[in-house]
Amino acid sequence: MKQLLSLALLASFSAAQGDLVASGAKVQRLATGFRFTEGPASDAKGDIYFTDIPNNRIHRWTVDGQLSTWREETGGANGLYFDKKGRLLACQGGARRVSRFGPKGEATALVAAYDNRPLNSPNDLWVAPDGGVWFTDPRYGQQDGLQQGGFHVYWLPPDNAALRRVIDDLVKPNGIRGTPDGKTLYVADAGGRNIVRYRISGPGRLSDRAVFIPGSGSDGMTLDERGNLYLTTRGEVVIHDVSGRLVRRVGLPESPTNVCFGGKDGRTLFITARTSLYALHMQVRGG
């Protein structure tokens, strides 16, 4: 009975939104054979860049459906994000730094330490409208050499001045994303299994902390133009509206790691999922 009620509620929420998925669209596997894909990010053309962490590569999937290796020896690049100037930023978990890549793949380190101690393993990032970089710094796998006393969230100002630790009370922060107006920040606490929401009250300043979606750690995340939040969980992408209500589930053959919007019209949801890259055509654009 509870399951039937849950399905009925979900159907009513989806109807209120209008179906987010394009009519007749199904999840498509675009490419496979990778070891562990992550960090999809769209450039201005709609091309998708994503990482294959164990193989130490960044790949590109073009709007014309062509796959290429854009960069090798990436420093263990994980999360990616393009800034307003079209520059690709990366959390280089292996190299323990956040870097910016030039058009030919050359890397410039932006930050590698806090309080004169090395970062753990930067994981995911979001570039705010003002150019400030918000990023998470957990560590998965071996825990050798950790000097930060925990897993935290940081803010790097646009001028690359002093790095600021902005969140220090999460178990293991992972995915991170802010709203296009620069007023709200979402962080996935994978260790605490909560999605936490903050108000961005100024450059590098957060307030009004609230657990937005309890019981869901997620990995990566993204937003659409309506403010719906897309989370990656075991075997599916789940979509919550601005109030936190579940409005859609998208099942996958593999467990997804991260998501972003891209493509020619910005209405394709790209999903990295372990060994593959998937896509789903949507009614909405990315936010």
C-alpha atoms as a PDB file:
ATOM      1  CA  MET A   1       0.000   0.000   0.000  1.00  0.00           C
ATOM      2  CA  LYS A   2       2.818   2.427   0.902  1.00  0.00           C
ATOM      3  CA  GLN A   3       4.538   1.707  -2.416  1.00  0.00           C
ATOM      4  CA  LEU A   4       1.315   2.328  -4.365  1.00  0.00           C
ATOM      5  CA  LEU A   5       0.786   5.590  -2.504  1.00  0.00           C
ATOM      6  CA  SER A   6       4.356   6.660  -3.224  1.00  0.00           C
ATOM      7  CA  LEU A   7       3.938   5.922  -6.938  1.00  0.00           C
ATOM      8  CA  ALA A   8       0.667   7.844  -7.023  1.00  0.00           C
ATOM      9  CA  LEU A   9       2.239  10.855  -5.361  1.00  0.00           C
ATOM     10  CA  LEU A  10       5.182  10.720  -7.750  1.00  0.00           C
ATOM     11  CA  ALA A  11       2.813  10.615 -10.722  1.00  0.00           C
ATOM     12  CA  SER A  12       0.931  13.655  -9.437  1.00  0.00           C
ATOM     13  CA  PHE A  13       4.178  15.590  -8.905  1.00  0.00           C
ATOM     14  CA  SER A  14       5.345  14.739 -12.441  1.00  0.00           C
ATOM     15  CA  ALA A  15       2.009  15.773 -13.900  1.00  0.00           C
ATOM     16  CA  ALA A  16       2.214  19.111 -12.088  1.00  0.00           C
ATOM     17  CA  GLN A  17       5.659  19.706 -13.589  1.00  0.00           C
ATOM     18  CA  GLY A  18       4.820  18.407 -17.017  1.00  0.00           C
ATOM     19  CA  ASP A  19       7.065  15.517 -18.003  1.00  0.00           C
ATOM     20  CA  LEU A  20      10.673  16.673 -17.866  1.00  0.00           C
ATOM     21  CA  VAL A  21      11.766  14.036 -20.375  1.00  0.00           C
ATOM     22  CA  ALA A  22      11.164  14.645 -24.078  1.00  0.00           C
ATOM     23  CA  SER A  23       8.276  12.682 -25.547  1.00  0.00           C
ATOM     24  CA  GLY A  24       9.366   9.170 -26.514  1.00  0.00           C
ATOM     25  CA  ALA A  25      12.949   9.718 -25.367  1.00  0.00           C
ATOM     26  CA  LYS A  26      14.920   6.867 -23.856  1.00  0.00           C
ATOM     27  CA  VAL A  27      18.317   6.655 -22.204  1.00  0.00           C
ATOM     28  CA  GLN A  28      20.997   6.070 -24.853  1.00  0.00           C
ATOM     29  CA  ARG A  29      24.473   4.695 -24.296  1.00  0.00           C
ATOM     30  CA  LEU A  30      26.805   6.927 -26.297  1.00  0.00           C
ATOM     31  CA  ALA A  31      30.167   5.374 -25.476  1.00  0.00           C
ATOM     32  CA  THR A  32      31.534   2.652 -23.227  1.00  0.00           C
ATOM     33  CA  GLY A  33      34.746   0.818 -22.332  1.00  0.00           C
ATOM     34  CA  PHE A  34      35.957   3.297 -19.715  1.00  0.00           C
ATOM     35  CA  ARG A  35      37.083   2.373 -16.197  1.00  0.00           C
ATOM     36  CA  PHE A  36      35.267   5.009 -14.111  1.00  0.00           C
ATOM     37  CA  THR A  37      33.695   8.058 -15.728  1.00  0.00           C
ATOM     38  CA  GLU A  38      32.979  11.291 -13.855  1.00  0.00           C
ATOM     39  CA  GLY A  39      32.716  15.063 -14.027  1.00  0.00           C
ATOM     40  CA  PRO A  40      30.719  15.868 -17.205  1.00  0.00           C
ATOM     41  CA  ALA A  41      30.756  19.542 -18.199  1.00  0.00           C
ATOM     42  CA  SER A  42      29.405  21.339 -21.251  1.00  0.00           C
ATOM     43  CA  ASP A  43      31.225  24.048 -23.174  1.00  0.00           C
ATOM     44  CA  ALA A  44      29.467  26.899 -24.973  1.00  0.00           C
ATOM     45  CA  LYS A  45      28.916  24.779 -28.097  1.00  0.00           C
ATOM     46  CA  GLY A  46      27.290  21.964 -26.138  1.00  0.00           C
ATOM     47  CA  ASP A  47      30.250  19.571 -26.400  1.00  0.00           C
ATOM     48  CA  ILE A  48      30.659  17.417 -23.299  1.00  0.00           C
ATOM     49  CA  TYR A  49      33.956  16.917 -21.507  1.00  0.00           C
ATOM     50  CA  PHE A  50      34.196  14.109 -18.965  1.00  0.00           C
ATOM     51  CA  THR A  51      36.878  12.283 -17.018  1.00  0.00           C
ATOM     52  CA  ASP A  52      37.950   8.660 -16.853  1.00  0.00           C
ATOM     53  CA  ILE A  53      39.686   8.811 -13.493  1.00  0.00           C
ATOM     54  CA  PRO A  54      41.697   5.536 -13.360  1.00  0.00           C
ATOM     55  CA  ASN A  55      42.868   6.003 -16.961  1.00  0.00           C
ATOM     56  CA  ASN A  56      43.883   9.602 -16.156  1.00  0.00           C
ATOM     57  CA  ARG A  57      42.091  11.075 -19.170  1.00  0.00           C
ATOM     58  CA  ILE A  58      39.624  13.778 -20.147  1.00  0.00           C
ATOM     59  CA  HIS A  59      37.414  12.862 -23.099  1.00  0.00           C
ATOM     60  CA  ARG A  60      35.212  15.019 -25.301  1.00  0.00           C
ATOM     61  CA  TRP A  61      31.891  14.063 -26.879  1.00  0.00           C
ATOM     62  CA  THR A  62      30.946  16.572 -29.570  1.00  0.00           C
ATOM     63  CA  VAL A  63      27.493  17.717 -30.622  1.00  0.00           C
ATOM     64  CA  ASP A  64      28.169  15.765 -33.851  1.00  0.00           C
ATOM     65  CA  GLY A  65      28.566  12.548 -31.901  1.00  0.00           C
ATOM     66  CA  GLN A  66      32.349  12.231 -32.078  1.00  0.00           C
ATOM     67  CA  LEU A  67      34.388  10.898 -29.155  1.00  0.00           C
ATOM     68  CA  SER A  68      38.020  11.868 -28.622  1.00  0.00           C
ATOM     69  CA  THR A  69      40.655  11.922 -25.892  1.00  0.00           C
ATOM     70  CA  TRP A  70      41.164  15.595 -25.137  1.00  0.00           C
ATOM     71  CA  ARG A  71      43.869  15.273 -22.498  1.00  0.00           C
ATOM     72  CA  GLU A  72      45.966  12.528 -20.921  1.00  0.00           C
ATOM     73  CA  GLU A  73      47.952  12.662 -17.673  1.00  0.00           C
ATOM     74  CA  THR A  74      45.248  14.752 -16.009  1.00  0.00           C
ATOM     75  CA  GLY A  75      46.462  14.528 -12.416  1.00  0.00           C
ATOM     76  CA  GLY A  76      43.545  12.265 -11.579  1.00  0.00           C
ATOM     77  CA  ALA A  77      40.972  14.802 -12.785  1.00  0.00           C
ATOM     78  CA  ASN A  78      37.485  14.216 -11.399  1.00  0.00           C
ATOM     79  CA  GLY A  79      34.894  17.031 -11.424  1.00  0.00           C
ATOM     80  CA  LEU A  80      35.008  19.547 -14.295  1.00  0.00           C
ATOM     81  CA  TYR A  81      33.335  22.917 -14.877  1.00  0.00           C
ATOM     82  CA  PHE A  82      33.611  25.670 -17.496  1.00  0.00           C
ATOM     83  CA  ASP A  83      33.828  29.283 -16.331  1.00  0.00           C
ATOM     84  CA  LYS A  84      32.221  32.211 -18.153  1.00  0.00           C
ATOM     85  CA  LYS A  85      35.382  32.763 -20.180  1.00  0.00           C
ATOM     86  CA  GLY A  86      35.139  29.241 -21.573  1.00  0.00           C
ATOM     87  CA  ARG A  87      38.054  27.891 -19.547  1.00  0.00           C
ATOM     88  CA  LEU A  88      37.859  24.359 -18.186  1.00  0.00           C
ATOM     89  CA  LEU A  89      38.506  23.982 -14.461  1.00  0.00           C
ATOM     90  CA  ALA A  90      39.204  20.594 -12.898  1.00  0.00           C
ATOM     91  CA  CYS A  91      39.451  19.005  -9.488  1.00  0.00           C
ATOM     92  CA  GLN A  92      42.670  17.016  -9.845  1.00  0.00           C
ATOM     93  CA  GLY A  93      42.162  14.514  -7.057  1.00  0.00           C
ATOM     94  CA  GLY A  94      45.409  12.666  -7.705  1.00  0.00           C
ATOM     95  CA  ALA A  95      47.497  15.817  -7.851  1.00  0.00           C
ATOM     96  CA  ARG A  96      45.557  17.228  -4.855  1.00  0.00           C
ATOM     97  CA  ARG A  97      44.795  20.570  -6.474  1.00  0.00           C
ATOM     98  CA  VAL A  98      42.285  22.582  -8.477  1.00  0.00           C
ATOM     99  CA  SER A  99      43.587  23.609 -11.896  1.00  0.00           C
ATOM    100  CA  ARG A 100      42.528  25.438 -15.030  1.00  0.00           C
ATOM    101  CA  PHE A 101      43.183  23.979 -18.478  1.00  0.00           C
ATOM    102  CA  GLY A 102      44.040  26.054 -21.503  1.00  0.00           C
ATOM    103  CA  PRO A 103      42.584  25.419 -24.992  1.00  0.00           C
ATOM    104  CA  LYS A 104      45.285  22.864 -25.782  1.00  0.00           C
ATOM    105  CA  GLY A 105      44.981  21.069 -22.449  1.00  0.00           C
ATOM    106  CA  GLU A 106      47.824  22.810 -20.651  1.00  0.00           C
ATOM    107  CA  ALA A 107      47.177  22.975 -16.896  1.00  0.00           C
ATOM    108  CA  THR A 108      47.684  25.897 -14.514  1.00  0.00           C
ATOM    109  CA  ALA A 109      47.339  25.115 -10.806  1.00  0.00           C
ATOM    110  CA  LEU A 110      44.967  27.489  -9.012  1.00  0.00           C
ATOM    111  CA  VAL A 111      45.222  26.108  -5.472  1.00  0.00           C
ATOM    112  CA  ALA A 112      46.867  23.080  -3.860  1.00  0.00           C
ATOM    113  CA  ALA A 113      46.944  23.872  -0.148  1.00  0.00           C
ATOM    114  CA  TYR A 114      44.994  25.370   2.716  1.00  0.00           C
ATOM    115  CA  ASP A 115      46.739  26.785   5.772  1.00  0.00           C
ATOM    116  CA  ASN A 116      50.058  25.717   4.222  1.00  0.00           C
ATOM    117  CA  ARG A 117      48.978  22.068   4.186  1.00  0.00           C
ATOM    118  CA  PRO A 118      48.121  19.995   1.077  1.00  0.00           C
ATOM    119  CA  LEU A 119      44.490  19.513   0.170  1.00  0.00           C
ATOM    120  CA  ASN A 120      43.009  16.016   0.479  1.00  0.00           C
ATOM    121  CA  SER A 121      41.706  15.178  -3.013  1.00  0.00           C
ATOM    122  CA  PRO A 122      39.497  17.874  -4.605  1.00  0.00           C
ATOM    123  CA  ASN A 123      36.438  16.144  -5.993  1.00  0.00           C
ATOM    124  CA  ASP A 124      33.789  18.429  -7.477  1.00  0.00           C
ATOM    125  CA  LEU A 125      33.434  22.150  -8.139  1.00  0.00           C
ATOM    126  CA  TRP A 126      31.107  24.916  -9.223  1.00  0.00           C
ATOM    127  CA  VAL A 127      32.090  28.306 -10.613  1.00  0.00           C
ATOM    128  CA  ALA A 128      29.729  31.017  -9.374  1.00  0.00           C
ATOM    129  CA  PRO A 129      28.558  33.931 -11.557  1.00  0.00           C
ATOM    130  CA  ASP A 130      31.089  36.204  -9.827  1.00  0.00           C
ATOM    131  CA  GLY A 131      33.933  33.862 -10.801  1.00  0.00           C
ATOM    132  CA  GLY A 132      34.485  32.411  -7.335  1.00  0.00           C
ATOM    133  CA  VAL A 133      35.164  28.667  -7.232  1.00  0.00           C
ATOM    134  CA  TRP A 134      33.396  26.465  -4.676  1.00  0.00           C
ATOM    135  CA  PHE A 135      34.810  22.947  -4.330  1.00  0.00           C
ATOM    136  CA  THR A 136      34.645  19.842  -2.145  1.00  0.00           C
ATOM    137  CA  ASP A 137      37.726  18.093  -0.773  1.00  0.00           C
ATOM    138  CA  PRO A 138      37.035  14.557   0.510  1.00  0.00           C
ATOM    139  CA  ARG A 139      39.228  11.503  -0.010  1.00  0.00           C
ATOM    140  CA  TYR A 140      38.233   8.057  -1.243  1.00  0.00           C
ATOM    141  CA  GLY A 141      40.481   5.013  -1.189  1.00  0.00           C
ATOM    142  CA  GLN A 142      43.784   5.228   0.651  1.00  0.00           C
ATOM    143  CA  GLN A 143      43.845   7.772   3.454  1.00  0.00           C
ATOM    144  CA  ASP A 144      47.615   8.328   3.589  1.00  0.00           C
ATOM    145  CA  GLY A 145      48.996  11.842   3.915  1.00  0.00           C
ATOM    146  CA  LEU A 146      45.809  13.625   4.977  1.00  0.00           C
ATOM    147  CA  GLN A 147      46.652  16.891   6.750  1.00  0.00           C
ATOM    148  CA  GLN A 148      43.394  18.863   6.733  1.00  0.00           C
ATOM    149  CA  GLY A 149      41.833  17.215   9.783  1.00  0.00           C
ATOM    150  CA  GLY A 150      38.684  16.207   7.933  1.00  0.00           C
ATOM    151  CA  PHE A 151      36.753  16.623   4.699  1.00  0.00           C
ATOM    152  CA  HIS A 152      35.630  20.165   3.942  1.00  0.00           C
ATOM    153  CA  VAL A 153      34.251  22.615   1.375  1.00  0.00           C
ATOM    154  CA  TYR A 154      36.292  25.593   0.189  1.00  0.00           C
ATOM    155  CA  TRP A 155      35.857  28.860  -1.700  1.00  0.00           C
ATOM    156  CA  LEU A 156      38.525  30.340  -3.954  1.00  0.00           C
ATOM    157  CA  PRO A 157      37.925  34.014  -4.802  1.00  0.00           C
ATOM    158  CA  PRO A 158      38.001  35.171  -8.435  1.00  0.00           C
ATOM    159  CA  ASP A 159      41.432  36.763  -8.010  1.00  0.00           C
ATOM    160  CA  ASN A 160      42.873  33.466  -6.659  1.00  0.00           C
ATOM    161  CA  ALA A 161      43.682  35.160  -3.355  1.00  0.00           C
ATOM    162  CA  ALA A 162      43.559  33.335  -0.012  1.00  0.00           C
ATOM    163  CA  LEU A 163      41.542  30.118  -0.043  1.00  0.00           C
ATOM    164  CA  ARG A 164      38.705  30.081   2.505  1.00  0.00           C
ATOM    165  CA  ARG A 165      37.269  27.014   4.244  1.00  0.00           C
ATOM    166  CA  VAL A 166      33.504  27.568   4.222  1.00  0.00           C
ATOM    167  CA  ILE A 167      31.983  24.270   5.450  1.00  0.00           C
ATOM    168  CA  ASP A 168      33.585  22.046   8.078  1.00  0.00           C
ATOM    169  CA  ASP A 169      30.671  20.114   9.591  1.00  0.00           C
ATOM    170  CA  LEU A 170      29.878  17.546   6.870  1.00  0.00           C
ATOM    171  CA  VAL A 171      30.994  13.918   6.990  1.00  0.00           C
ATOM    172  CA  LYS A 172      32.219  13.578   3.392  1.00  0.00           C
ATOM    173  CA  PRO A 173      31.117  16.350   0.991  1.00  0.00           C
ATOM    174  CA  ASN A 174      31.099  15.292  -2.633  1.00  0.00           C
ATOM    175  CA  GLY A 175      28.857  16.813  -5.328  1.00  0.00           C
ATOM    176  CA  ILE A 176      28.339  20.565  -5.311  1.00  0.00           C
ATOM    177  CA  ARG A 177      26.247  22.940  -7.404  1.00  0.00           C
ATOM    178  CA  GLY A 178      24.883  26.467  -7.114  1.00  0.00           C
ATOM    179  CA  THR A 179      21.968  28.251  -8.736  1.00  0.00           C
ATOM    180  CA  PRO A 180      22.516  30.532 -11.770  1.00  0.00           C
ATOM    181  CA  ASP A 181      21.679  33.632  -9.722  1.00  0.00           C
ATOM    182  CA  GLY A 182      24.499  32.798  -7.313  1.00  0.00           C
ATOM    183  CA  LYS A 183      22.199  32.830  -4.287  1.00  0.00           C
ATOM    184  CA  THR A 184      21.902  29.159  -3.333  1.00  0.00           C
ATOM    185  CA  LEU A 185      24.436  26.359  -2.906  1.00  0.00           C
ATOM    186  CA  TYR A 186      23.690  22.634  -2.742  1.00  0.00           C
ATOM    187  CA  VAL A 187      26.211  20.159  -1.331  1.00  0.00           C
ATOM    188  CA  ALA A 188      25.900  16.378  -1.294  1.00  0.00           C
ATOM    189  CA  ASP A 189      27.207  14.941   1.950  1.00  0.00           C
ATOM    190  CA  ALA A 190      27.932  11.429   0.721  1.00  0.00           C
ATOM    191  CA  GLY A 191      29.150  10.385   4.159  1.00  0.00           C
ATOM    192  CA  GLY A 192      26.178  11.792   6.045  1.00  0.00           C
ATOM    193  CA  ARG A 193      23.705  10.866   3.302  1.00  0.00           C
ATOM    194  CA  ASN A 194      22.063  14.261   3.088  1.00  0.00           C
ATOM    195  CA  ILE A 195      21.726  16.979   0.486  1.00  0.00           C
ATOM    196  CA  VAL A 196      22.360  20.238   2.295  1.00  0.00           C
ATOM    197  CA  ARG A 197      21.254  23.656   1.056  1.00  0.00           C
ATOM    198  CA  TYR A 198      22.813  27.011   1.952  1.00  0.00           C
ATOM    199  CA  ARG A 199      22.103  30.622   1.157  1.00  0.00           C
ATOM    200  CA  ILE A 200      25.091  32.378  -0.382  1.00  0.00           C
ATOM    201  CA  SER A 201      25.055  35.579   1.640  1.00  0.00           C
ATOM    202  CA  GLY A 202      28.186  37.136   0.152  1.00  0.00           C
ATOM    203  CA  PRO A 203      31.492  36.237  -1.503  1.00  0.00           C
ATOM    204  CA  GLY A 204      32.613  33.052   0.231  1.00  0.00           C
ATOM    205  CA  ARG A 205      29.893  33.368   2.871  1.00  0.00           C
ATOM    206  CA  LEU A 206      27.078  30.926   3.620  1.00  0.00           C
ATOM    207  CA  SER A 207      24.056  31.090   5.910  1.00  0.00           C
ATOM    208  CA  ASP A 208      20.672  29.426   6.525  1.00  0.00           C
ATOM    209  CA  ARG A 209      22.000  25.868   6.448  1.00  0.00           C
ATOM    210  CA  ALA A 210      19.207  23.323   5.961  1.00  0.00           C
ATOM    211  CA  VAL A 211      18.998  19.633   5.131  1.00  0.00           C
ATOM    212  CA  PHE A 212      17.208  19.814   1.794  1.00  0.00           C
ATOM    213  CA  ILE A 213      16.884  16.088   1.019  1.00  0.00           C
ATOM    214  CA  PRO A 214      17.579  13.680   3.878  1.00  0.00           C
ATOM    215  CA  GLY A 215      18.778  10.154   3.248  1.00  0.00           C
ATOM    216  CA  SER A 216      20.359  10.876  -0.142  1.00  0.00           C
ATOM    217  CA  GLY A 217      24.106  11.316  -0.379  1.00  0.00           C
ATOM    218  CA  SER A 218      24.373  11.462  -4.180  1.00  0.00           C
ATOM    219  CA  ASP A 219      27.642  11.818  -6.067  1.00  0.00           C
ATOM    220  CA  GLY A 220      27.414  14.563  -8.664  1.00  0.00           C
ATOM    221  CA  MET A 221      24.445  16.818  -9.303  1.00  0.00           C
ATOM    222  CA  THR A 222      23.055  19.457 -11.649  1.00  0.00           C
ATOM    223  CA  LEU A 223      20.099  21.833 -12.014  1.00  0.00           C
ATOM    224  CA  ASP A 224      17.650  22.540 -14.811  1.00  0.00           C
ATOM    225  CA  GLU A 225      16.096  25.868 -15.799  1.00  0.00           C
ATOM    226  CA  ARG A 226      13.138  25.300 -13.463  1.00  0.00           C
ATOM    227  CA  GLY A 227      15.381  24.827 -10.452  1.00  0.00           C
ATOM    228  CA  ASN A 228      14.912  21.050 -10.284  1.00  0.00           C
ATOM    229  CA  LEU A 229      17.873  19.278  -8.705  1.00  0.00           C
ATOM    230  CA  TYR A 230      19.242  16.127 -10.386  1.00  0.00           C
ATOM    231  CA  LEU A 231      21.016  13.624  -8.129  1.00  0.00           C
ATOM    232  CA  THR A 232      22.944  10.451  -8.919  1.00  0.00           C
ATOM    233  CA  THR A 233      22.090   7.439  -6.789  1.00  0.00           C
ATOM    234  CA  ARG A 234      22.423   3.694  -7.141  1.00  0.00           C
ATOM    235  CA  GLY A 235      21.079   2.672 -10.542  1.00  0.00           C
ATOM    236  CA  GLU A 236      19.210   5.889 -11.304  1.00  0.00           C
ATOM    237  CA  VAL A 237      19.119   9.658 -11.555  1.00  0.00           C
ATOM    238  CA  VAL A 238      16.481  11.157  -9.265  1.00  0.00           C
ATOM    239  CA  ILE A 239      15.003  14.614  -9.753  1.00  0.00           C
ATOM    240  CA  HIS A 240      13.640  16.825  -6.958  1.00  0.00           C
ATOM    241  CA  ASP A 241      11.796  20.110  -7.380  1.00  0.00           C
ATOM    242  CA  VAL A 242      12.628  23.367  -5.599  1.00  0.00           C
ATOM    243  CA  SER A 243      10.678  22.258  -2.522  1.00  0.00           C
ATOM    244  CA  GLY A 244      12.629  19.000  -2.298  1.00  0.00           C
ATOM    245  CA  ARG A 245       9.811  16.744  -3.568  1.00  0.00           C
ATOM    246  CA  LEU A 246      10.754  13.803  -5.746  1.00  0.00           C
ATOM    247  CA  VAL A 247       9.303  14.368  -9.235  1.00  0.00           C
ATOM    248  CA  ARG A 248      11.077  11.903 -11.551  1.00  0.00           C
ATOM    249  CA  ARG A 249      13.297   8.839 -11.627  1.00  0.00           C
ATOM    250  CA  VAL A 250      15.514   7.862 -14.561  1.00  0.00           C
ATOM    251  CA  GLY A 251      16.730   4.261 -14.457  1.00  0.00           C
ATOM    252  CA  LEU A 252      20.108   3.275 -15.905  1.00  0.00           C
ATOM    253  CA  PRO A 253      21.951   0.010 -16.643  1.00  0.00           C
ATOM    254  CA  GLU A 254      24.838   1.221 -14.443  1.00  0.00           C
ATOM    255  CA  SER A 255      24.987   3.386 -11.347  1.00  0.00           C
ATOM    256  CA  PRO A 256      25.487   7.021 -12.395  1.00  0.00           C
ATOM    257  CA  THR A 257      28.261   9.191 -11.005  1.00  0.00           C
ATOM    258  CA  ASN A 258      27.463  12.654 -12.346  1.00  0.00           C
ATOM    259  CA  VAL A 259      25.207  14.622 -14.692  1.00  0.00           C
ATOM    260  CA  CYS A 260      25.106  17.798 -16.761  1.00  0.00           C
ATOM    261  CA  PHE A 261      23.065  19.411 -19.530  1.00  0.00           C
ATOM    262  CA  GLY A 262      24.519  20.039 -22.965  1.00  0.00           C
ATOM    263  CA  GLY A 263      24.043  19.369 -26.668  1.00  0.00           C
ATOM    264  CA  LYS A 264      23.126  21.770 -29.460  1.00  0.00           C
ATOM    265  CA  ASP A 265      20.030  23.142 -27.740  1.00  0.00           C
ATOM    266  CA  GLY A 266      21.084  22.483 -24.145  1.00  0.00           C
ATOM    267  CA  ARG A 267      18.218  20.023 -23.678  1.00  0.00           C
ATOM    268  CA  THR A 268      20.204  16.796 -23.442  1.00  0.00           C
ATOM    269  CA  LEU A 269      21.014  15.330 -20.054  1.00  0.00           C
ATOM    270  CA  PHE A 270      24.431  13.648 -20.157  1.00  0.00           C
ATOM    271  CA  ILE A 271      25.148  11.029 -17.522  1.00  0.00           C
ATOM    272  CA  THR A 272      28.474   9.479 -16.595  1.00  0.00           C
ATOM    273  CA  ALA A 273      27.968   5.990 -15.164  1.00  0.00           C
ATOM    274  CA  ARG A 274      30.970   3.877 -14.276  1.00  0.00           C
ATOM    275  CA  THR A 275      32.108   2.451 -17.645  1.00  0.00           C
ATOM    276  CA  SER A 276      29.880   4.491 -19.966  1.00  0.00           C
ATOM    277  CA  LEU A 277      28.497   7.841 -21.069  1.00  0.00           C
ATOM    278  CA  TYR A 278      24.714   8.074 -21.482  1.00  0.00           C
ATOM    279  CA  ALA A 279      22.297  10.706 -22.779  1.00  0.00           C
ATOM    280  CA  LEU A 280      18.608  11.476 -22.436  1.00  0.00           C
ATOM    281  CA  HIS A 281      16.727  14.142 -24.377  1.00  0.00           C
ATOM    282  CA  MET A 282      14.749  16.451 -22.120  1.00  0.00           C
ATOM    283  CA  GLN A 283      11.991  19.066 -22.329  1.00  0.00           C
ATOM    284  CA  VAL A 284      14.035  21.435 -20.178  1.00  0.00           C
ATOM    285  CA  ARG A 285      17.446  23.076 -20.462  1.00  0.00           C
ATOM    286  CA  GLY A 286      20.139  23.186 -17.861  1.00  0.00           C
ATOM    287  CA  GLY A 287      20.014  25.866 -15.207  1.00  0.00           C
END
